[in-house]
PDB file of N, CA and C in Angstrom:
ATOM      1  N   MET A   1      -8.822 -10.913  -5.052  1.00  0.00           N
ATOM      2  CA  MET A   1      -7.617 -10.956  -4.180  1.00  0.00           C
ATOM      3  C   MET A   1      -7.045 -12.424  -4.341  1.00  0.00           C
ATOM      4  N   ALA A   2      -5.969 -12.683  -3.663  1.00  0.00           N
ATOM      5  CA  ALA A   2      -5.261 -13.958  -3.751  1.00  0.00           C
ATOM      6  C   ALA A   2      -6.049 -15.097  -3.242  1.00  0.00           C
ATOM      7  N   THR A   3      -5.918 -16.303  -3.766  1.00  0.00           N
ATOM      8  CA  THR A   3      -6.636 -17.431  -3.349  1.00  0.00           C
ATOM      9  C   THR A   3      -5.757 -18.303  -2.375  1.00  0.00           C
ATOM     10  N   GLU A   4      -4.461 -18.198  -2.526  1.00  0.00           N
ATOM     11  CA  GLU A   4      -3.591 -18.960  -1.609  1.00  0.00           C
ATOM     12  C   GLU A   4      -3.454 -18.243  -0.325  1.00  0.00           C
ATOM     13  N   PRO A   5      -3.460 -18.976   0.830  1.00  0.00           N
ATOM     14  CA  PRO A   5      -3.375 -18.328   2.158  1.00  0.00           C
ATOM     15  C   PRO A   5      -2.100 -17.612   2.376  1.00  0.00           C
ATOM     16  N   TYR A   6      -1.034 -18.139   1.828  1.00  0.00           N
ATOM     17  CA  TYR A   6       0.294 -17.545   2.087  1.00  0.00           C
ATOM     18  C   TYR A   6       0.597 -16.361   1.183  1.00  0.00           C
ATOM     19  N   GLU A   7      -0.308 -16.047   0.275  1.00  0.00           N
ATOM     20  CA  GLU A   7      -0.211 -14.776  -0.450  1.00  0.00           C
ATOM     21  C   GLU A   7      -0.852 -13.666   0.409  1.00  0.00           C
ATOM     22  N   ILE A   8      -1.753 -14.007   1.325  1.00  0.00           N
ATOM     23  CA  ILE A   8      -2.402 -12.985   2.195  1.00  0.00           C
ATOM     24  C   ILE A   8      -1.503 -12.909   3.437  1.00  0.00           C
ATOM     25  N   ILE A   9      -1.168 -14.056   4.076  1.00  0.00           N
ATOM     26  CA  ILE A   9      -0.386 -14.011   5.254  1.00  0.00           C
ATOM     27  C   ILE A   9       1.076 -13.931   4.912  1.00  0.00           C
ATOM     28  N   ARG A  10       1.769 -12.900   5.231  1.00  0.00           N
ATOM     29  CA  ARG A  10       3.161 -12.743   4.858  1.00  0.00           C
ATOM     30  C   ARG A  10       4.118 -13.392   5.781  1.00  0.00           C
ATOM     31  N   ARG A  11       3.946 -13.102   7.087  1.00  0.00           N
ATOM     32  CA  ARG A  11       4.817 -13.707   8.141  1.00  0.00           C
ATOM     33  C   ARG A  11       4.262 -13.399   9.538  1.00  0.00           C
ATOM     34  N   PRO A  12       4.596 -14.250  10.466  1.00  0.00           N
ATOM     35  CA  PRO A  12       4.162 -13.943  11.883  1.00  0.00           C
ATOM     36  C   PRO A  12       4.994 -12.836  12.427  1.00  0.00           C
ATOM     37  N   ILE A  13       4.418 -12.032  13.300  1.00  0.00           N
ATOM     38  CA  ILE A  13       5.190 -10.960  13.976  1.00  0.00           C
ATOM     39  C   ILE A  13       5.601 -11.555  15.323  1.00  0.00           C
ATOM     40  N   ILE A  14       6.933 -11.789  15.494  1.00  0.00           N
ATOM     41  CA  ILE A  14       7.478 -12.375  16.625  1.00  0.00           C
ATOM     42  C   ILE A  14       8.187 -11.298  17.432  1.00  0.00           C
ATOM     43  N   THR A  15       7.441 -10.620  18.304  1.00  0.00           N
ATOM     44  CA  THR A  15       7.977  -9.619  19.168  1.00  0.00           C
ATOM     45  C   THR A  15       7.517  -9.929  20.571  1.00  0.00           C
ATOM     46  N   GLU A  16       8.023  -9.155  21.573  1.00  0.00           N
ATOM     47  CA  GLU A  16       7.614  -9.415  22.986  1.00  0.00           C
ATOM     48  C   GLU A  16       6.100  -9.164  23.092  1.00  0.00           C
ATOM     49  N   LYS A  17       5.584  -8.106  22.465  1.00  0.00           N
ATOM     50  CA  LYS A  17       4.119  -7.828  22.600  1.00  0.00           C
ATOM     51  C   LYS A  17       3.346  -8.897  21.830  1.00  0.00           C
ATOM     52  N   GLY A  18       3.796  -9.352  20.693  1.00  0.00           N
ATOM     53  CA  GLY A  18       3.162 -10.382  19.919  1.00  0.00           C
ATOM     54  C   GLY A  18       3.063 -11.683  20.742  1.00  0.00           C
ATOM     55  N   MET A  19       4.134 -12.051  21.363  1.00  0.00           N
ATOM     56  CA  MET A  19       4.176 -13.302  22.197  1.00  0.00           C
ATOM     57  C   MET A  19       3.293 -13.153  23.429  1.00  0.00           C
ATOM     58  N   GLY A  20       3.197 -11.922  23.989  1.00  0.00           N
ATOM     59  CA  GLY A  20       2.359 -11.693  25.139  1.00  0.00           C
ATOM     60  C   GLY A  20       0.923 -11.839  24.788  1.00  0.00           C
ATOM     61  N   VAL A  21       0.405 -11.348  23.719  1.00  0.00           N
ATOM     62  CA  VAL A  21      -0.985 -11.452  23.341  1.00  0.00           C
ATOM     63  C   VAL A  21      -1.285 -12.983  22.846  1.00  0.00           C
ATOM     64  N   LYS A  22      -0.317 -13.535  22.396  1.00  0.00           N
ATOM     65  CA  LYS A  22      -0.467 -14.988  21.950  1.00  0.00           C
ATOM     66  C   LYS A  22      -0.712 -15.885  23.139  1.00  0.00           C
ATOM     67  N   GLU A  23      -0.029 -15.597  24.281  1.00  0.00           N
ATOM     68  CA  GLU A  23      -0.171 -16.529  25.446  1.00  0.00           C
ATOM     69  C   GLU A  23      -1.423 -16.074  26.285  1.00  0.00           C
ATOM     70  N   THR A  24      -1.649 -14.796  26.454  1.00  0.00           N
ATOM     71  CA  THR A  24      -2.695 -14.352  27.362  1.00  0.00           C
ATOM     72  C   THR A  24      -4.091 -14.236  26.696  1.00  0.00           C
ATOM     73  N   GLN A  25      -4.158 -13.817  25.515  1.00  0.00           N
ATOM     74  CA  GLN A  25      -5.436 -13.587  24.829  1.00  0.00           C
ATOM     75  C   GLN A  25      -5.758 -14.555  23.699  1.00  0.00           C
ATOM     76  N   LEU A  26      -4.951 -15.555  23.525  1.00  0.00           N
ATOM     77  CA  LEU A  26      -5.200 -16.536  22.420  1.00  0.00           C
ATOM     78  C   LEU A  26      -5.291 -15.829  21.065  1.00  0.00           C
ATOM     79  N   THR A  27      -4.364 -14.900  20.828  1.00  0.00           N
ATOM     80  CA  THR A  27      -4.353 -14.084  19.638  1.00  0.00           C
ATOM     81  C   THR A  27      -3.048 -14.183  18.933  1.00  0.00           C
ATOM     82  N   ALA A  28      -3.039 -14.430  17.609  1.00  0.00           N
ATOM     83  CA  ALA A  28      -1.798 -14.476  16.813  1.00  0.00           C
ATOM     84  C   ALA A  28      -1.672 -13.198  16.048  1.00  0.00           C
ATOM     85  N   VAL A  29      -0.440 -12.775  15.830  1.00  0.00           N
ATOM     86  CA  VAL A  29      -0.165 -11.562  15.136  1.00  0.00           C
ATOM     87  C   VAL A  29       0.606 -11.838  13.821  1.00  0.00           C
ATOM     88  N   PHE A  30       0.091 -11.292  12.709  1.00  0.00           N
ATOM     89  CA  PHE A  30       0.706 -11.602  11.378  1.00  0.00           C
ATOM     90  C   PHE A  30       0.877 -10.252  10.620  1.00  0.00           C
ATOM     91  N   GLU A  31       1.893 -10.276   9.794  1.00  0.00           N
ATOM     92  CA  GLU A  31       1.965  -9.230   8.766  1.00  0.00           C
ATOM     93  C   GLU A  31       1.195  -9.765   7.544  1.00  0.00           C
ATOM     94  N   VAL A  32       0.280  -9.044   6.991  1.00  0.00           N
ATOM     95  CA  VAL A  32      -0.590  -9.491   5.882  1.00  0.00           C
ATOM     96  C   VAL A  32      -0.488  -8.564   4.717  1.00  0.00           C
ATOM     97  N   ALA A  33      -1.019  -9.023   3.619  1.00  0.00           N
ATOM     98  CA  ALA A  33      -1.020  -8.201   2.385  1.00  0.00           C
ATOM     99  C   ALA A  33      -1.807  -6.895   2.685  1.00  0.00           C
ATOM    100  N   ARG A  34      -1.307  -5.799   2.203  1.00  0.00           N
ATOM    101  CA  ARG A  34      -1.912  -4.481   2.493  1.00  0.00           C
ATOM    102  C   ARG A  34      -3.381  -4.377   2.026  1.00  0.00           C
ATOM    103  N   ASP A  35      -3.748  -5.011   0.899  1.00  0.00           N
ATOM    104  CA  ASP A  35      -5.080  -4.828   0.357  1.00  0.00           C
ATOM    105  C   ASP A  35      -5.990  -6.024   0.842  1.00  0.00           C
ATOM    106  N   ALA A  36      -5.555  -6.807   1.784  1.00  0.00           N
ATOM    107  CA  ALA A  36      -6.417  -7.957   2.242  1.00  0.00           C
ATOM    108  C   ALA A  36      -7.483  -7.424   3.230  1.00  0.00           C
ATOM    109  N   THR A  37      -8.685  -7.949   3.158  1.00  0.00           N
ATOM    110  CA  THR A  37      -9.800  -7.596   4.035  1.00  0.00           C
ATOM    111  C   THR A  37      -9.695  -8.496   5.215  1.00  0.00           C
ATOM    112  N   LYS A  38     -10.533  -8.151   6.268  1.00  0.00           N
ATOM    113  CA  LYS A  38     -10.619  -8.959   7.459  1.00  0.00           C
ATOM    114  C   LYS A  38     -11.195 -10.337   7.155  1.00  0.00           C
ATOM    115  N   THR A  39     -12.149 -10.384   6.224  1.00  0.00           N
ATOM    116  CA  THR A  39     -12.710 -11.693   5.872  1.00  0.00           C
ATOM    117  C   THR A  39     -11.757 -12.595   5.140  1.00  0.00           C
ATOM    118  N   GLU A  40     -10.941 -11.978   4.284  1.00  0.00           N
ATOM    119  CA  GLU A  40      -9.927 -12.744   3.564  1.00  0.00           C
ATOM    120  C   GLU A  40      -8.798 -13.253   4.543  1.00  0.00           C
ATOM    121  N   ILE A  41      -8.440 -12.406   5.481  1.00  0.00           N
ATOM    122  CA  ILE A  41      -7.457 -12.796   6.397  1.00  0.00           C
ATOM    123  C   ILE A  41      -7.963 -13.968   7.275  1.00  0.00           C
ATOM    124  N   LYS A  42      -9.208 -13.858   7.734  1.00  0.00           N
ATOM    125  CA  LYS A  42      -9.869 -14.947   8.569  1.00  0.00           C
ATOM    126  C   LYS A  42      -9.889 -16.245   7.805  1.00  0.00           C
ATOM    127  N   GLU A  43     -10.276 -16.224   6.498  1.00  0.00           N
ATOM    128  CA  GLU A  43     -10.350 -17.442   5.708  1.00  0.00           C
ATOM    129  C   GLU A  43      -8.951 -18.012   5.480  1.00  0.00           C
ATOM    130  N   ALA A  44      -7.935 -17.150   5.229  1.00  0.00           N
ATOM    131  CA  ALA A  44      -6.610 -17.605   4.990  1.00  0.00           C
ATOM    132  C   ALA A  44      -5.983 -18.270   6.190  1.00  0.00           C
ATOM    133  N   VAL A  45      -6.206 -17.738   7.403  1.00  0.00           N
ATOM    134  CA  VAL A  45      -5.731 -18.364   8.625  1.00  0.00           C
ATOM    135  C   VAL A  45      -6.405 -19.680   8.855  1.00  0.00           C
ATOM    136  N   GLN A  46      -7.715 -19.707   8.730  1.00  0.00           N
ATOM    137  CA  GLN A  46      -8.444 -20.938   8.934  1.00  0.00           C
ATOM    138  C   GLN A  46      -7.975 -22.092   7.923  1.00  0.00           C
ATOM    139  N   LYS A  47      -7.660 -21.648   6.689  1.00  0.00           N
ATOM    140  CA  LYS A  47      -7.275 -22.625   5.725  1.00  0.00           C
ATOM    141  C   LYS A  47      -5.792 -23.101   5.935  1.00  0.00           C
ATOM    142  N   ALA A  48      -4.955 -22.159   6.314  1.00  0.00           N
ATOM    143  CA  ALA A  48      -3.511 -22.506   6.470  1.00  0.00           C
ATOM    144  C   ALA A  48      -3.203 -23.299   7.760  1.00  0.00           C
ATOM    145  N   PHE A  49      -3.871 -22.881   8.829  1.00  0.00           N
ATOM    146  CA  PHE A  49      -3.547 -23.502  10.144  1.00  0.00           C
ATOM    147  C   PHE A  49      -4.623 -24.477  10.671  1.00  0.00           C
ATOM    148  N   LYS A  50      -5.760 -24.552   9.944  1.00  0.00           N
ATOM    149  CA  LYS A  50      -6.865 -25.426  10.288  1.00  0.00           C
ATOM    150  C   LYS A  50      -7.320 -25.218  11.770  1.00  0.00           C
ATOM    151  N   VAL A  51      -7.664 -23.958  12.020  1.00  0.00           N
ATOM    152  CA  VAL A  51      -8.264 -23.529  13.242  1.00  0.00           C
ATOM    153  C   VAL A  51      -9.460 -22.663  12.969  1.00  0.00           C
ATOM    154  N   LYS A  52     -10.323 -22.460  13.969  1.00  0.00           N
ATOM    155  CA  LYS A  52     -11.459 -21.536  13.894  1.00  0.00           C
ATOM    156  C   LYS A  52     -11.075 -20.163  14.409  1.00  0.00           C
ATOM    157  N   VAL A  53     -11.453 -19.141  13.627  1.00  0.00           N
ATOM    158  CA  VAL A  53     -11.058 -17.763  14.031  1.00  0.00           C
ATOM    159  C   VAL A  53     -12.344 -17.028  14.507  1.00  0.00           C
ATOM    160  N   ALA A  54     -12.204 -16.418  15.667  1.00  0.00           N
ATOM    161  CA  ALA A  54     -13.340 -15.721  16.211  1.00  0.00           C
ATOM    162  C   ALA A  54     -13.364 -14.203  15.775  1.00  0.00           C
ATOM    163  N   ASP A  55     -12.214 -13.521  15.693  1.00  0.00           N
ATOM    164  CA  ASP A  55     -12.165 -12.098  15.419  1.00  0.00           C
ATOM    165  C   ASP A  55     -10.847 -11.737  14.763  1.00  0.00           C
ATOM    166  N   VAL A  56     -10.902 -10.725  13.938  1.00  0.00           N
ATOM    167  CA  VAL A  56      -9.686 -10.189  13.293  1.00  0.00           C
ATOM    168  C   VAL A  56      -9.698  -8.637  13.438  1.00  0.00           C
ATOM    169  N   ARG A  57      -8.578  -8.126  13.964  1.00  0.00           N
ATOM    170  CA  ARG A  57      -8.378  -6.639  13.977  1.00  0.00           C
ATOM    171  C   ARG A  57      -7.217  -6.344  13.191  1.00  0.00           C
ATOM    172  N   THR A  58      -7.143  -5.183  12.499  1.00  0.00           N
ATOM    173  CA  THR A  58      -6.112  -4.862  11.581  1.00  0.00           C
ATOM    174  C   THR A  58      -5.607  -3.483  11.905  1.00  0.00           C
ATOM    175  N   ALA A  59      -4.358  -3.239  11.574  1.00  0.00           N
ATOM    176  CA  ALA A  59      -3.746  -1.857  11.744  1.00  0.00           C
ATOM    177  C   ALA A  59      -2.823  -1.654  10.511  1.00  0.00           C
ATOM    178  N   ILE A  60      -2.910  -0.509   9.921  1.00  0.00           N
ATOM    179  CA  ILE A  60      -2.022  -0.108   8.815  1.00  0.00           C
ATOM    180  C   ILE A  60      -0.937   0.787   9.282  1.00  0.00           C
ATOM    181  N   TYR A  61       0.343   0.423   8.952  1.00  0.00           N
ATOM    182  CA  TYR A  61       1.481   1.204   9.293  1.00  0.00           C
ATOM    183  C   TYR A  61       2.100   1.844   8.089  1.00  0.00           C
ATOM    184  N   HIS A  62       2.275   3.168   8.112  1.00  0.00           N
ATOM    185  CA  HIS A  62       2.815   3.880   6.968  1.00  0.00           C
ATOM    186  C   HIS A  62       4.376   3.840   7.068  1.00  0.00           C
ATOM    187  N   GLY A  63       4.938   3.714   5.885  1.00  0.00           N
ATOM    188  CA  GLY A  63       6.418   3.599   5.813  1.00  0.00           C
ATOM    189  C   GLY A  63       7.164   4.863   6.264  1.00  0.00           C
ATOM    190  N   LYS A  64       8.221   4.707   6.898  1.00  0.00           N
ATOM    191  CA  LYS A  64       8.992   5.896   7.450  1.00  0.00           C
ATOM    192  C   LYS A  64       9.976   6.380   6.422  1.00  0.00           C
ATOM    193  N   LEU A  65      10.254   7.637   6.471  1.00  0.00           N
ATOM    194  CA  LEU A  65      11.319   8.248   5.644  1.00  0.00           C
ATOM    195  C   LEU A  65      12.642   7.903   6.325  1.00  0.00           C
ATOM    196  N   ARG A  66      13.579   7.353   5.516  1.00  0.00           N
ATOM    197  CA  ARG A  66      14.910   6.955   6.061  1.00  0.00           C
ATOM    198  C   ARG A  66      15.969   7.605   5.249  1.00  0.00           C
ATOM    199  N   ARG A  67      17.058   8.055   5.883  1.00  0.00           N
ATOM    200  CA  ARG A  67      18.183   8.704   5.200  1.00  0.00           C
ATOM    201  C   ARG A  67      19.456   7.998   5.519  1.00  0.00           C
ATOM    202  N   ARG A  68      20.324   7.952   4.535  1.00  0.00           N
ATOM    203  CA  ARG A  68      21.714   7.461   4.679  1.00  0.00           C
ATOM    204  C   ARG A  68      22.569   8.451   3.918  1.00  0.00           C
ATOM    205  N   GLY A  69      23.157   9.296   4.723  1.00  0.00           N
ATOM    206  CA  GLY A  69      24.003  10.365   4.090  1.00  0.00           C
ATOM    207  C   GLY A  69      23.023  11.389   3.369  1.00  0.00           C
ATOM    208  N   ARG A  70      23.327  11.657   2.131  1.00  0.00           N
ATOM    209  CA  ARG A  70      22.495  12.567   1.386  1.00  0.00           C
ATOM    210  C   ARG A  70      21.303  11.895   0.714  1.00  0.00           C
ATOM    211  N   SER A  71      21.359  10.602   0.544  1.00  0.00           N
ATOM    212  CA  SER A  71      20.214   9.910  -0.162  1.00  0.00           C
ATOM    213  C   SER A  71      19.120   9.609   0.804  1.00  0.00           C
ATOM    214  N   GLU A  72      17.929   9.568   0.406  1.00  0.00           N
ATOM    215  CA  GLU A  72      16.786   9.280   1.238  1.00  0.00           C
ATOM    216  C   GLU A  72      15.842   8.363   0.503  1.00  0.00           C
ATOM    217  N   GLY A  73      15.161   7.620   1.296  1.00  0.00           N
ATOM    218  CA  GLY A  73      14.135   6.691   0.756  1.00  0.00           C
ATOM    219  C   GLY A  73      13.116   6.488   1.787  1.00  0.00           C
ATOM    220  N   ARG A  74      12.149   5.633   1.372  1.00  0.00           N
ATOM    221  CA  ARG A  74      11.003   5.285   2.259  1.00  0.00           C
ATOM    222  C   ARG A  74      10.978   3.767   2.488  1.00  0.00           C
ATOM    223  N   ARG A  75      10.544   3.392   3.712  1.00  0.00           N
ATOM    224  CA  ARG A  75      10.224   2.038   3.885  1.00  0.00           C
ATOM    225  C   ARG A  75       8.790   1.809   3.383  1.00  0.00           C
ATOM    226  N   ARG A  76       8.430   0.574   3.109  1.00  0.00           N
ATOM    227  CA  ARG A  76       7.189   0.310   2.530  1.00  0.00           C
ATOM    228  C   ARG A  76       6.095   0.389   3.538  1.00  0.00           C
ATOM    229  N   ASP A  77       4.857   0.621   3.123  1.00  0.00           N
ATOM    230  CA  ASP A  77       3.699   0.582   4.028  1.00  0.00           C
ATOM    231  C   ASP A  77       3.293  -0.871   4.219  1.00  0.00           C
ATOM    232  N   TRP A  78       2.773  -1.243   5.410  1.00  0.00           N
ATOM    233  CA  TRP A  78       2.447  -2.601   5.696  1.00  0.00           C
ATOM    234  C   TRP A  78       1.234  -2.643   6.600  1.00  0.00           C
ATOM    235  N   LYS A  79       0.713  -3.880   6.737  1.00  0.00           N
ATOM    236  CA  LYS A  79      -0.548  -4.101   7.473  1.00  0.00           C
ATOM    237  C   LYS A  79      -0.273  -5.247   8.476  1.00  0.00           C
ATOM    238  N   LYS A  80      -0.770  -5.017   9.731  1.00  0.00           N
ATOM    239  CA  LYS A  80      -0.696  -6.008  10.771  1.00  0.00           C
ATOM    240  C   LYS A  80      -2.088  -6.486  11.091  1.00  0.00           C
ATOM    241  N   ALA A  81      -2.197  -7.778  11.365  1.00  0.00           N
ATOM    242  CA  ALA A  81      -3.506  -8.378  11.722  1.00  0.00           C
ATOM    243  C   ALA A  81      -3.341  -9.147  13.011  1.00  0.00           C
ATOM    244  N   TYR A  82      -4.295  -8.811  13.955  1.00  0.00           N
ATOM    245  CA  TYR A  82      -4.460  -9.538  15.230  1.00  0.00           C
ATOM    246  C   TYR A  82      -5.509 -10.565  15.034  1.00  0.00           C
ATOM    247  N   VAL A  83      -5.257 -11.841  15.036  1.00  0.00           N
ATOM    248  CA  VAL A  83      -6.253 -12.883  14.807  1.00  0.00           C
ATOM    249  C   VAL A  83      -6.507 -13.587  16.109  1.00  0.00           C
ATOM    250  N   LYS A  84      -7.751 -13.434  16.598  1.00  0.00           N
ATOM    251  CA  LYS A  84      -8.170 -14.089  17.848  1.00  0.00           C
ATOM    252  C   LYS A  84      -8.847 -15.430  17.477  1.00  0.00           C
ATOM    253  N   LEU A  85      -8.382 -16.498  18.121  1.00  0.00           N
ATOM    254  CA  LEU A  85      -8.944 -17.793  17.854  1.00  0.00           C
ATOM    255  C   LEU A  85     -10.189 -18.050  18.679  1.00  0.00           C
ATOM    256  N   ALA A  86     -11.007 -18.958  18.137  1.00  0.00           N
ATOM    257  CA  ALA A  86     -12.302 -19.262  18.867  1.00  0.00           C
ATOM    258  C   ALA A  86     -11.945 -19.991  20.139  1.00  0.00           C
ATOM    259  N   PRO A  87     -12.835 -19.928  21.151  1.00  0.00           N
ATOM    260  CA  PRO A  87     -12.582 -20.628  22.405  1.00  0.00           C
ATOM    261  C   PRO A  87     -12.490 -22.123  22.170  1.00  0.00           C
ATOM    262  N   GLY A  88     -11.546 -22.744  22.823  1.00  0.00           N
ATOM    263  CA  GLY A  88     -11.316 -24.217  22.637  1.00  0.00           C
ATOM    264  C   GLY A  88     -10.392 -24.588  21.596  1.00  0.00           C
ATOM    265  N   GLU A  89      -9.907 -23.653  20.776  1.00  0.00           N
ATOM    266  CA  GLU A  89      -8.950 -23.918  19.714  1.00  0.00           C
ATOM    267  C   GLU A  89      -7.549 -23.941  20.291  1.00  0.00           C
ATOM    268  N   LYS A  90      -6.706 -24.780  19.746  1.00  0.00           N
ATOM    269  CA  LYS A  90      -5.294 -24.859  20.153  1.00  0.00           C
ATOM    270  C   LYS A  90      -4.482 -23.846  19.331  1.00  0.00           C
ATOM    271  N   MET A  91      -3.667 -23.071  20.055  1.00  0.00           N
ATOM    272  CA  MET A  91      -2.849 -22.023  19.414  1.00  0.00           C
ATOM    273  C   MET A  91      -1.815 -22.644  18.459  1.00  0.00           C
ATOM    274  N   MET A  92      -1.635 -22.168  17.319  1.00  0.00           N
ATOM    275  CA  MET A  92      -0.620 -22.703  16.395  1.00  0.00           C
ATOM    276  C   MET A  92       0.746 -22.284  16.900  1.00  0.00           C
ATOM    277  N   GLU A  93       1.764 -23.183  16.718  1.00  0.00           N
ATOM    278  CA  GLU A  93       3.068 -22.867  17.224  1.00  0.00           C
ATOM    279  C   GLU A  93       3.975 -22.457  16.040  1.00  0.00           C
ATOM    280  N   TYR A  94       4.300 -21.183  15.994  1.00  0.00           N
ATOM    281  CA  TYR A  94       5.228 -20.741  14.946  1.00  0.00           C
ATOM    282  C   TYR A  94       6.496 -20.132  15.542  1.00  0.00           C
ATOM    283  N   ALA A  95       6.594 -19.996  16.855  1.00  0.00           N
ATOM    284  CA  ALA A  95       7.788 -19.481  17.463  1.00  0.00           C
ATOM    285  C   ALA A  95       8.209 -20.335  18.655  1.00  0.00           C
ATOM    286  N   GLU A  96       8.399 -21.584  18.437  1.00  0.00           N
ATOM    287  CA  GLU A  96       8.763 -22.491  19.517  1.00  0.00           C
ATOM    288  C   GLU A  96      10.290 -22.382  19.934  1.00  0.00           C
ATOM    289  N   ASN A  97      11.114 -22.191  19.000  1.00  0.00           N
ATOM    290  CA  ASN A  97      12.564 -22.281  19.220  1.00  0.00           C
ATOM    291  C   ASN A  97      13.269 -20.956  19.605  1.00  0.00           C
ATOM    292  N   LEU A  98      12.523 -20.080  20.211  1.00  0.00           N
ATOM    293  CA  LEU A  98      13.110 -18.819  20.620  1.00  0.00           C
ATOM    294  C   LEU A  98      13.650 -18.798  22.030  1.00  0.00           C
TER     295      LEU A  98
END
């Protein structure tokens, strides 16, 4: 798999639910590469943000069928990772200006 952390971590998920778990459970939510394992995600977050990770949970979302008129297509499949930081770690700030 990829060695660079940002090839595994695609983008943070900035939604109301994502911000809620960030503040209450010390958990960050990211869109990650679909073939990334939990261990690779943990190492990428630790390397990119210089924090200790306690736990990683993942969920795979299948792309939806979308139509526009007569033509149809599919959205891509993607993977979401919930990354829980170790106790005592400071949460990284990626959504300050909202």
